[in-house]
Amino acid sequence: MTIAVCPGSFDPVTYGHIDIIKRAAKIFDKVIVAVLVNMEKKPWFTIEERTDFLRKVTADIPNVEIVGFEGLLVDFAAACNAKVIVKGLRAVSDFEYEFQMALTNNKLNNNIETVFLTTSSENMYLSSSIVKQVGLLGGDISPFVPECVREGILQRIKQRSNLK
């Protein structure tokens, strides 16, 4: 059985993320979607909220498991007996960063390979940051995220505006 880890902050999960997860699930026997605590980012949603969104939007994919984690990705992947890390790429700028990370991860554990999946053309521009920005400015985010995520984003925007 080939286990793959598909890591990200997923703050929030978008249709672009879901596309990569679904495609990885067709390739690998098991895909562990690893929701990371990234200390460099200030997430809108807690790790519990992000994993909950992901469980809801991947419920129809039987070989996908959602797990939160902290620490080194290669250590997490090794603990899960994963042989592959799956990363989605949107643009050349993604490749430069992800290539550097793949080389670093390989140096830390050369038993785990990184596989890049290019995003579908309709999702090339899509990022969690863009979704949040469009939502903050009152734009329609329904083309970018599933309904349960859209509702969560709108609630968070309302909470944030009440704090000001």
N, C-alpha and C. Protein backbone atom coordinates (compact mmCIF):
# COMPACT_ATOMS: atom_id res chain seq x y z
N MET A 1 0.85 -1.19 0.00
CA MET A 1 0.00 0.00 0.00
C MET A 1 0.88 1.24 0.00
N THR A 2 0.62 2.12 -0.94
CA THR A 2 1.39 3.36 -1.03
C THR A 2 0.60 4.48 -0.35
N ILE A 3 1.21 5.03 0.69
CA ILE A 3 0.60 6.12 1.45
C ILE A 3 1.28 7.41 1.06
N ALA A 4 0.45 8.43 0.79
CA ALA A 4 0.96 9.76 0.45
C ALA A 4 0.43 10.77 1.46
N VAL A 5 1.24 11.78 1.73
CA VAL A 5 0.82 12.89 2.59
C VAL A 5 0.67 14.12 1.71
N CYS A 6 -0.46 14.78 1.87
CA CYS A 6 -0.74 16.01 1.13
C CYS A 6 -0.85 17.13 2.16
N PRO A 7 0.24 17.88 2.37
CA PRO A 7 0.26 18.86 3.45
C PRO A 7 -0.18 20.25 3.00
N GLY A 8 -0.61 21.04 3.97
CA GLY A 8 -0.93 22.43 3.71
C GLY A 8 -1.53 23.08 4.94
N SER A 9 -1.67 24.40 4.86
CA SER A 9 -2.33 25.08 5.97
C SER A 9 -3.85 25.10 5.76
N PHE A 10 -4.31 25.07 4.51
CA PHE A 10 -5.73 24.96 4.19
C PHE A 10 -6.56 25.99 4.98
N ASP A 11 -6.16 27.25 4.89
CA ASP A 11 -6.81 28.30 5.69
C ASP A 11 -7.46 29.35 4.80
N PRO A 12 -8.57 29.05 4.18
CA PRO A 12 -9.37 27.81 4.21
C PRO A 12 -9.08 26.94 2.99
N VAL A 13 -9.67 25.74 3.03
CA VAL A 13 -9.58 24.84 1.88
C VAL A 13 -10.36 25.45 0.71
N THR A 14 -9.78 25.35 -0.48
CA THR A 14 -10.41 25.87 -1.70
C THR A 14 -10.66 24.72 -2.68
N TYR A 15 -11.35 25.05 -3.77
CA TYR A 15 -11.54 24.03 -4.82
C TYR A 15 -10.20 23.61 -5.42
N GLY A 16 -9.21 24.47 -5.41
CA GLY A 16 -7.88 24.10 -5.89
C GLY A 16 -7.27 23.00 -5.03
N HIS A 17 -7.37 23.15 -3.71
CA HIS A 17 -6.87 22.11 -2.80
C HIS A 17 -7.62 20.80 -3.02
N ILE A 18 -8.93 20.90 -3.13
CA ILE A 18 -9.76 19.71 -3.28
C ILE A 18 -9.41 18.97 -4.57
N ASP A 19 -9.14 19.71 -5.62
CA ASP A 19 -8.73 19.11 -6.89
C ASP A 19 -7.45 18.29 -6.72
N ILE A 20 -6.46 18.85 -6.06
CA ILE A 20 -5.20 18.13 -5.84
C ILE A 20 -5.42 16.89 -4.98
N ILE A 21 -6.23 17.02 -3.92
CA ILE A 21 -6.51 15.88 -3.03
C ILE A 21 -7.21 14.77 -3.80
N LYS A 22 -8.21 15.10 -4.60
CA LYS A 22 -8.94 14.09 -5.37
C LYS A 22 -8.03 13.38 -6.37
N ARG A 23 -7.18 14.14 -7.03
CA ARG A 23 -6.28 13.54 -8.02
C ARG A 23 -5.24 12.66 -7.34
N ALA A 24 -4.75 13.09 -6.18
CA ALA A 24 -3.79 12.26 -5.43
C ALA A 24 -4.46 10.96 -4.99
N ALA A 25 -5.73 11.05 -4.60
CA ALA A 25 -6.46 9.86 -4.14
C ALA A 25 -6.66 8.84 -5.25
N LYS A 26 -6.62 9.28 -6.50
CA LYS A 26 -6.71 8.35 -7.64
C LYS A 26 -5.38 7.64 -7.88
N ILE A 27 -4.30 8.25 -7.45
CA ILE A 27 -2.97 7.72 -7.72
C ILE A 27 -2.46 6.81 -6.60
N PHE A 28 -2.74 7.22 -5.34
CA PHE A 28 -2.18 6.52 -4.19
C PHE A 28 -3.28 5.77 -3.44
N ASP A 29 -2.87 4.69 -2.75
CA ASP A 29 -3.82 3.87 -2.02
C ASP A 29 -4.47 4.62 -0.87
N LYS A 30 -3.67 5.45 -0.20
CA LYS A 30 -4.19 6.24 0.92
C LYS A 30 -3.54 7.62 0.86
N VAL A 31 -4.35 8.65 1.08
CA VAL A 31 -3.85 10.02 1.12
C VAL A 31 -4.19 10.61 2.48
N ILE A 32 -3.15 11.01 3.19
CA ILE A 32 -3.33 11.67 4.48
C ILE A 32 -3.17 13.17 4.23
N VAL A 33 -4.27 13.90 4.39
CA VAL A 33 -4.22 15.35 4.24
C VAL A 33 -3.75 15.89 5.58
N ALA A 34 -2.56 16.46 5.58
CA ALA A 34 -1.90 16.91 6.80
C ALA A 34 -2.07 18.42 6.94
N VAL A 35 -2.89 18.81 7.90
CA VAL A 35 -3.18 20.22 8.14
C VAL A 35 -2.14 20.73 9.13
N LEU A 36 -1.29 21.62 8.66
CA LEU A 36 -0.17 22.02 9.49
C LEU A 36 -0.41 23.31 10.26
N VAL A 37 0.26 23.35 11.38
CA VAL A 37 0.32 24.58 12.16
C VAL A 37 1.55 25.31 11.65
N ASN A 38 1.33 26.40 10.91
CA ASN A 38 2.43 27.17 10.34
C ASN A 38 2.62 28.43 11.17
N MET A 39 3.73 28.49 11.89
CA MET A 39 3.97 29.60 12.80
C MET A 39 4.22 30.93 12.08
N GLU A 40 4.52 30.85 10.79
CA GLU A 40 4.77 32.07 10.02
C GLU A 40 3.47 32.73 9.57
N LYS A 41 2.38 31.99 9.60
CA LYS A 41 1.10 32.52 9.14
C LYS A 41 0.19 32.76 10.33
N LYS A 42 -0.72 33.71 10.18
CA LYS A 42 -1.73 33.96 11.19
C LYS A 42 -3.06 33.44 10.63
N PRO A 43 -3.41 32.21 10.97
CA PRO A 43 -4.61 31.61 10.36
C PRO A 43 -5.90 32.26 10.84
N TRP A 44 -6.86 32.28 9.94
CA TRP A 44 -8.21 32.74 10.29
C TRP A 44 -8.94 31.66 11.09
N PHE A 45 -8.62 30.40 10.79
CA PHE A 45 -9.34 29.29 11.38
C PHE A 45 -8.41 28.43 12.22
N THR A 46 -8.94 27.87 13.30
CA THR A 46 -8.17 26.98 14.15
C THR A 46 -7.88 25.70 13.38
N ILE A 47 -6.95 24.93 13.89
CA ILE A 47 -6.65 23.65 13.25
C ILE A 47 -7.87 22.74 13.27
N GLU A 48 -8.67 22.82 14.34
CA GLU A 48 -9.88 22.01 14.43
C GLU A 48 -10.90 22.42 13.37
N GLU A 49 -11.04 23.72 13.15
CA GLU A 49 -11.98 24.20 12.12
C GLU A 49 -11.51 23.78 10.73
N ARG A 50 -10.22 23.91 10.47
CA ARG A 50 -9.68 23.54 9.15
C ARG A 50 -9.82 22.05 8.88
N THR A 51 -9.53 21.22 9.89
CA THR A 51 -9.67 19.78 9.69
C THR A 51 -11.14 19.41 9.53
N ASP A 52 -12.04 20.11 10.23
CA ASP A 52 -13.47 19.86 10.10
C ASP A 52 -13.95 20.19 8.68
N PHE A 53 -13.55 21.36 8.15
CA PHE A 53 -13.89 21.71 6.77
C PHE A 53 -13.42 20.61 5.82
N LEU A 54 -12.18 20.19 5.98
CA LEU A 54 -11.62 19.18 5.08
C LEU A 54 -12.35 17.85 5.19
N ARG A 55 -12.70 17.45 6.41
CA ARG A 55 -13.45 16.19 6.57
C ARG A 55 -14.78 16.27 5.83
N LYS A 56 -15.44 17.41 5.91
CA LYS A 56 -16.73 17.58 5.24
C LYS A 56 -16.59 17.52 3.72
N VAL A 57 -15.59 18.22 3.18
CA VAL A 57 -15.49 18.32 1.72
C VAL A 57 -14.81 17.11 1.07
N THR A 58 -14.21 16.23 1.89
CA THR A 58 -13.60 15.01 1.33
C THR A 58 -14.33 13.75 1.79
N ALA A 59 -15.49 13.91 2.41
CA ALA A 59 -16.23 12.77 2.96
C ALA A 59 -16.54 11.71 1.91
N ASP A 60 -16.63 12.11 0.65
CA ASP A 60 -16.96 11.17 -0.43
C ASP A 60 -15.73 10.48 -1.02
N ILE A 61 -14.55 10.72 -0.45
CA ILE A 61 -13.33 10.10 -0.96
C ILE A 61 -12.85 9.10 0.10
N PRO A 62 -13.10 7.80 -0.11
CA PRO A 62 -12.87 6.82 0.96
C PRO A 62 -11.42 6.63 1.40
N ASN A 63 -10.47 6.91 0.53
CA ASN A 63 -9.07 6.65 0.89
C ASN A 63 -8.35 7.92 1.37
N VAL A 64 -9.12 8.91 1.83
CA VAL A 64 -8.53 10.15 2.34
C VAL A 64 -8.78 10.25 3.83
N GLU A 65 -7.73 10.60 4.55
CA GLU A 65 -7.80 10.81 6.00
C GLU A 65 -7.29 12.22 6.29
N ILE A 66 -7.92 12.91 7.22
CA ILE A 66 -7.53 14.28 7.57
C ILE A 66 -6.90 14.26 8.96
N VAL A 67 -5.69 14.85 9.07
CA VAL A 67 -4.96 14.86 10.33
C VAL A 67 -4.27 16.20 10.50
N GLY A 68 -4.30 16.74 11.71
CA GLY A 68 -3.54 17.94 12.01
C GLY A 68 -2.16 17.54 12.51
N PHE A 69 -1.16 18.39 12.26
CA PHE A 69 0.18 18.07 12.77
C PHE A 69 1.01 19.33 12.96
N GLU A 70 2.04 19.17 13.77
CA GLU A 70 3.02 20.21 14.02
C GLU A 70 4.39 19.58 13.86
N GLY A 71 5.37 20.35 13.46
CA GLY A 71 6.72 19.83 13.36
C GLY A 71 7.17 19.64 11.92
N LEU A 72 8.21 18.84 11.76
CA LEU A 72 8.77 18.60 10.44
C LEU A 72 7.88 17.67 9.63
N LEU A 73 7.62 18.06 8.41
CA LEU A 73 6.76 17.27 7.53
C LEU A 73 7.33 15.87 7.30
N VAL A 74 8.62 15.75 7.08
CA VAL A 74 9.19 14.42 6.80
C VAL A 74 9.07 13.52 8.03
N ASP A 75 9.18 14.07 9.22
CA ASP A 75 8.99 13.27 10.43
C ASP A 75 7.55 12.77 10.52
N PHE A 76 6.60 13.67 10.22
CA PHE A 76 5.19 13.29 10.23
C PHE A 76 4.94 12.21 9.18
N ALA A 77 5.45 12.42 7.96
CA ALA A 77 5.25 11.45 6.88
C ALA A 77 5.84 10.09 7.26
N ALA A 78 7.02 10.08 7.83
CA ALA A 78 7.65 8.82 8.24
C ALA A 78 6.82 8.12 9.32
N ALA A 79 6.30 8.89 10.27
CA ALA A 79 5.46 8.32 11.33
C ALA A 79 4.18 7.69 10.77
N CYS A 80 3.73 8.20 9.63
CA CYS A 80 2.52 7.67 8.96
C CYS A 80 2.85 6.56 7.97
N ASN A 81 4.13 6.19 7.87
CA ASN A 81 4.59 5.20 6.89
C ASN A 81 4.35 5.65 5.45
N ALA A 82 4.33 6.95 5.24
CA ALA A 82 4.15 7.49 3.89
C ALA A 82 5.47 7.44 3.14
N LYS A 83 5.38 7.19 1.86
CA LYS A 83 6.56 7.17 0.99
C LYS A 83 6.59 8.38 0.07
N VAL A 84 5.49 9.15 0.07
CA VAL A 84 5.34 10.24 -0.88
C VAL A 84 4.73 11.46 -0.19
N ILE A 85 5.23 12.63 -0.57
CA ILE A 85 4.63 13.90 -0.22
C ILE A 85 4.08 14.48 -1.52
N VAL A 86 2.81 14.85 -1.53
CA VAL A 86 2.17 15.42 -2.71
C VAL A 86 2.01 16.91 -2.51
N LYS A 87 2.53 17.68 -3.47
CA LYS A 87 2.39 19.14 -3.42
C LYS A 87 1.76 19.62 -4.71
N GLY A 88 0.83 20.56 -4.57
CA GLY A 88 0.21 21.16 -5.74
C GLY A 88 0.98 22.39 -6.17
N LEU A 89 1.09 22.58 -7.47
CA LEU A 89 1.79 23.74 -8.02
C LEU A 89 0.84 24.56 -8.89
N ARG A 90 0.82 25.88 -8.65
CA ARG A 90 0.01 26.77 -9.47
C ARG A 90 0.85 27.48 -10.51
N ALA A 91 2.03 27.93 -10.12
CA ALA A 91 2.84 28.78 -11.00
C ALA A 91 4.31 28.52 -10.76
N VAL A 92 5.13 29.15 -11.56
CA VAL A 92 6.59 29.01 -11.43
C VAL A 92 7.04 29.43 -10.04
N SER A 93 6.43 30.47 -9.49
CA SER A 93 6.82 30.93 -8.16
C SER A 93 6.59 29.84 -7.11
N ASP A 94 5.50 29.06 -7.24
CA ASP A 94 5.27 27.92 -6.35
C ASP A 94 6.39 26.90 -6.52
N PHE A 95 6.78 26.65 -7.77
CA PHE A 95 7.78 25.62 -8.03
C PHE A 95 9.10 25.94 -7.34
N GLU A 96 9.54 27.17 -7.40
CA GLU A 96 10.83 27.53 -6.80
C GLU A 96 10.85 27.21 -5.31
N TYR A 97 9.81 27.62 -4.61
CA TYR A 97 9.74 27.36 -3.17
C TYR A 97 9.59 25.86 -2.89
N GLU A 98 8.67 25.21 -3.59
CA GLU A 98 8.39 23.80 -3.34
C GLU A 98 9.58 22.91 -3.73
N PHE A 99 10.31 23.29 -4.77
CA PHE A 99 11.50 22.54 -5.17
C PHE A 99 12.55 22.59 -4.06
N GLN A 100 12.74 23.77 -3.49
CA GLN A 100 13.68 23.94 -2.37
C GLN A 100 13.24 23.08 -1.18
N MET A 101 11.95 23.10 -0.87
CA MET A 101 11.44 22.29 0.24
C MET A 101 11.61 20.80 -0.04
N ALA A 102 11.37 20.38 -1.29
CA ALA A 102 11.51 18.97 -1.65
C ALA A 102 12.96 18.51 -1.48
N LEU A 103 13.90 19.34 -1.89
CA LEU A 103 15.31 18.99 -1.72
C LEU A 103 15.69 18.91 -0.25
N THR A 104 15.18 19.84 0.54
CA THR A 104 15.45 19.83 1.98
C THR A 104 14.86 18.58 2.62
N ASN A 105 13.61 18.27 2.29
CA ASN A 105 12.97 17.08 2.84
C ASN A 105 13.71 15.81 2.44
N ASN A 106 14.18 15.76 1.20
CA ASN A 106 14.93 14.60 0.73
C ASN A 106 16.25 14.45 1.49
N LYS A 107 16.85 15.56 1.81
CA LYS A 107 18.11 15.53 2.59
C LYS A 107 17.84 15.02 4.00
N LEU A 108 16.68 15.41 4.56
CA LEU A 108 16.32 14.98 5.91
C LEU A 108 15.90 13.52 5.95
N ASN A 109 15.25 13.04 4.88
CA ASN A 109 14.80 11.65 4.82
C ASN A 109 14.68 11.26 3.35
N ASN A 110 15.69 10.55 2.86
CA ASN A 110 15.70 10.20 1.43
C ASN A 110 14.82 8.99 1.10
N ASN A 111 14.06 8.51 2.06
CA ASN A 111 13.10 7.43 1.79
C ASN A 111 11.73 7.97 1.40
N ILE A 112 11.58 9.29 1.46
CA ILE A 112 10.30 9.90 1.13
C ILE A 112 10.50 10.81 -0.08
N GLU A 113 9.71 10.56 -1.13
CA GLU A 113 9.80 11.35 -2.36
C GLU A 113 8.72 12.42 -2.38
N THR A 114 9.00 13.51 -3.06
CA THR A 114 8.00 14.55 -3.28
C THR A 114 7.52 14.46 -4.72
N VAL A 115 6.20 14.48 -4.88
CA VAL A 115 5.57 14.45 -6.19
C VAL A 115 4.78 15.75 -6.35
N PHE A 116 4.97 16.40 -7.49
CA PHE A 116 4.25 17.64 -7.77
C PHE A 116 3.09 17.37 -8.73
N LEU A 117 1.93 17.88 -8.38
CA LEU A 117 0.77 17.85 -9.27
C LEU A 117 0.46 19.28 -9.66
N THR A 118 0.39 19.53 -10.95
CA THR A 118 0.05 20.89 -11.38
C THR A 118 -1.45 21.08 -11.26
N THR A 119 -1.82 22.26 -10.87
CA THR A 119 -3.23 22.57 -10.68
C THR A 119 -3.97 22.56 -12.01
N SER A 120 -5.26 22.34 -11.93
CA SER A 120 -6.10 22.46 -13.12
C SER A 120 -6.11 23.92 -13.55
N SER A 121 -6.25 24.17 -14.83
CA SER A 121 -6.16 25.55 -15.34
C SER A 121 -7.19 26.48 -14.70
N GLU A 122 -8.37 25.95 -14.36
CA GLU A 122 -9.38 26.83 -13.76
C GLU A 122 -9.04 27.25 -12.33
N ASN A 123 -8.03 26.62 -11.73
CA ASN A 123 -7.63 26.97 -10.35
C ASN A 123 -6.26 27.61 -10.25
N MET A 124 -5.65 27.95 -11.38
CA MET A 124 -4.28 28.46 -11.36
C MET A 124 -4.09 29.71 -10.51
N TYR A 125 -5.08 30.55 -10.46
CA TYR A 125 -4.99 31.83 -9.76
C TYR A 125 -5.43 31.73 -8.31
N LEU A 126 -6.03 30.62 -7.94
CA LEU A 126 -6.75 30.50 -6.68
C LEU A 126 -5.83 30.21 -5.50
N SER A 127 -6.00 31.00 -4.44
CA SER A 127 -5.28 30.76 -3.19
C SER A 127 -6.21 31.10 -2.04
N SER A 128 -5.91 30.56 -0.87
CA SER A 128 -6.70 30.87 0.32
C SER A 128 -6.66 32.36 0.61
N SER A 129 -5.52 32.98 0.40
CA SER A 129 -5.38 34.43 0.66
C SER A 129 -6.30 35.24 -0.24
N ILE A 130 -6.38 34.86 -1.51
CA ILE A 130 -7.25 35.58 -2.45
C ILE A 130 -8.71 35.40 -2.04
N VAL A 131 -9.08 34.19 -1.65
CA VAL A 131 -10.46 33.94 -1.24
C VAL A 131 -10.82 34.82 -0.05
N LYS A 132 -9.94 34.89 0.94
CA LYS A 132 -10.21 35.71 2.12
C LYS A 132 -10.31 37.19 1.74
N GLN A 133 -9.44 37.64 0.87
CA GLN A 133 -9.46 39.05 0.46
C GLN A 133 -10.74 39.39 -0.29
N VAL A 134 -11.15 38.53 -1.22
CA VAL A 134 -12.40 38.76 -1.96
C VAL A 134 -13.58 38.78 -0.99
N GLY A 135 -13.59 37.85 -0.05
CA GLY A 135 -14.65 37.80 0.95
C GLY A 135 -14.70 39.06 1.81
N LEU A 136 -13.53 39.51 2.25
CA LEU A 136 -13.46 40.73 3.06
C LEU A 136 -14.00 41.94 2.33
N LEU A 137 -13.81 41.96 1.02
CA LEU A 137 -14.24 43.10 0.21
C LEU A 137 -15.68 42.93 -0.30
N GLY A 138 -16.36 41.89 0.18
CA GLY A 138 -17.77 41.71 -0.16
C GLY A 138 -18.03 40.98 -1.46
N GLY A 139 -17.00 40.40 -2.05
CA GLY A 139 -17.18 39.68 -3.31
C GLY A 139 -17.77 38.29 -3.09
N ASP A 140 -18.26 37.72 -4.17
CA ASP A 140 -18.85 36.38 -4.15
C ASP A 140 -17.73 35.34 -4.18
N ILE A 141 -17.60 34.58 -3.10
CA ILE A 141 -16.54 33.57 -3.03
C ILE A 141 -17.06 32.16 -3.34
N SER A 142 -18.34 32.05 -3.69
CA SER A 142 -18.90 30.72 -3.95
C SER A 142 -18.24 29.97 -5.11
N PRO A 143 -17.65 30.65 -6.12
CA PRO A 143 -16.95 29.87 -7.16
C PRO A 143 -15.62 29.27 -6.69
N PHE A 144 -15.15 29.67 -5.51
CA PHE A 144 -13.81 29.29 -5.06
C PHE A 144 -13.78 28.25 -3.96
N VAL A 145 -14.88 28.14 -3.19
CA VAL A 145 -14.91 27.24 -2.03
C VAL A 145 -16.27 26.55 -1.93
N PRO A 146 -16.31 25.36 -1.32
CA PRO A 146 -17.60 24.70 -1.08
C PRO A 146 -18.47 25.53 -0.13
N GLU A 147 -19.76 25.26 -0.15
CA GLU A 147 -20.73 26.04 0.63
C GLU A 147 -20.41 26.07 2.12
N CYS A 148 -20.06 24.94 2.72
CA CYS A 148 -19.77 24.93 4.16
C CYS A 148 -18.57 25.83 4.49
N VAL A 149 -17.62 25.89 3.61
CA VAL A 149 -16.44 26.74 3.82
C VAL A 149 -16.82 28.20 3.61
N ARG A 150 -17.64 28.48 2.60
CA ARG A 150 -18.11 29.84 2.34
C ARG A 150 -18.83 30.39 3.57
N GLU A 151 -19.70 29.57 4.15
CA GLU A 151 -20.43 29.99 5.35
C GLU A 151 -19.46 30.29 6.50
N GLY A 152 -18.45 29.44 6.67
CA GLY A 152 -17.45 29.66 7.72
C GLY A 152 -16.68 30.95 7.51
N ILE A 153 -16.32 31.23 6.26
CA ILE A 153 -15.59 32.46 5.95
C ILE A 153 -16.46 33.67 6.24
N LEU A 154 -17.72 33.63 5.81
CA LEU A 154 -18.60 34.77 6.04
C LEU A 154 -18.84 35.01 7.53
N GLN A 155 -18.96 33.93 8.30
CA GLN A 155 -19.10 34.07 9.76
C GLN A 155 -17.84 34.70 10.36
N ARG A 156 -16.68 34.26 9.89
CA ARG A 156 -15.42 34.80 10.42
C ARG A 156 -15.27 36.27 10.06
N ILE A 157 -15.67 36.65 8.87
CA ILE A 157 -15.61 38.07 8.47
C ILE A 157 -16.52 38.89 9.37
N LYS A 158 -17.69 38.36 9.65
CA LYS A 158 -18.63 39.07 10.52
C LYS A 158 -18.04 39.22 11.93
N GLN A 159 -17.43 38.16 12.44
CA GLN A 159 -16.79 38.21 13.77
C GLN A 159 -15.67 39.23 13.80
N ARG A 160 -14.85 39.23 12.75
CA ARG A 160 -13.73 40.17 12.68
C ARG A 160 -14.22 41.61 12.62
N SER A 161 -15.30 41.85 11.89
CA SER A 161 -15.81 43.23 11.77
C SER A 161 -16.44 43.69 13.08
N ASN A 162 -17.00 42.76 13.88
CA ASN A 162 -17.56 43.11 15.17
C ASN A 162 -16.48 43.46 16.19
N LEU A 163 -15.26 42.96 15.96
CA LEU A 163 -14.16 43.25 16.88
C LEU A 163 -13.58 44.63 16.69
N LYS A 164 -13.87 45.25 15.53
CA LYS A 164 -13.26 46.55 15.22
C LYS A 164 -14.05 47.68 15.80
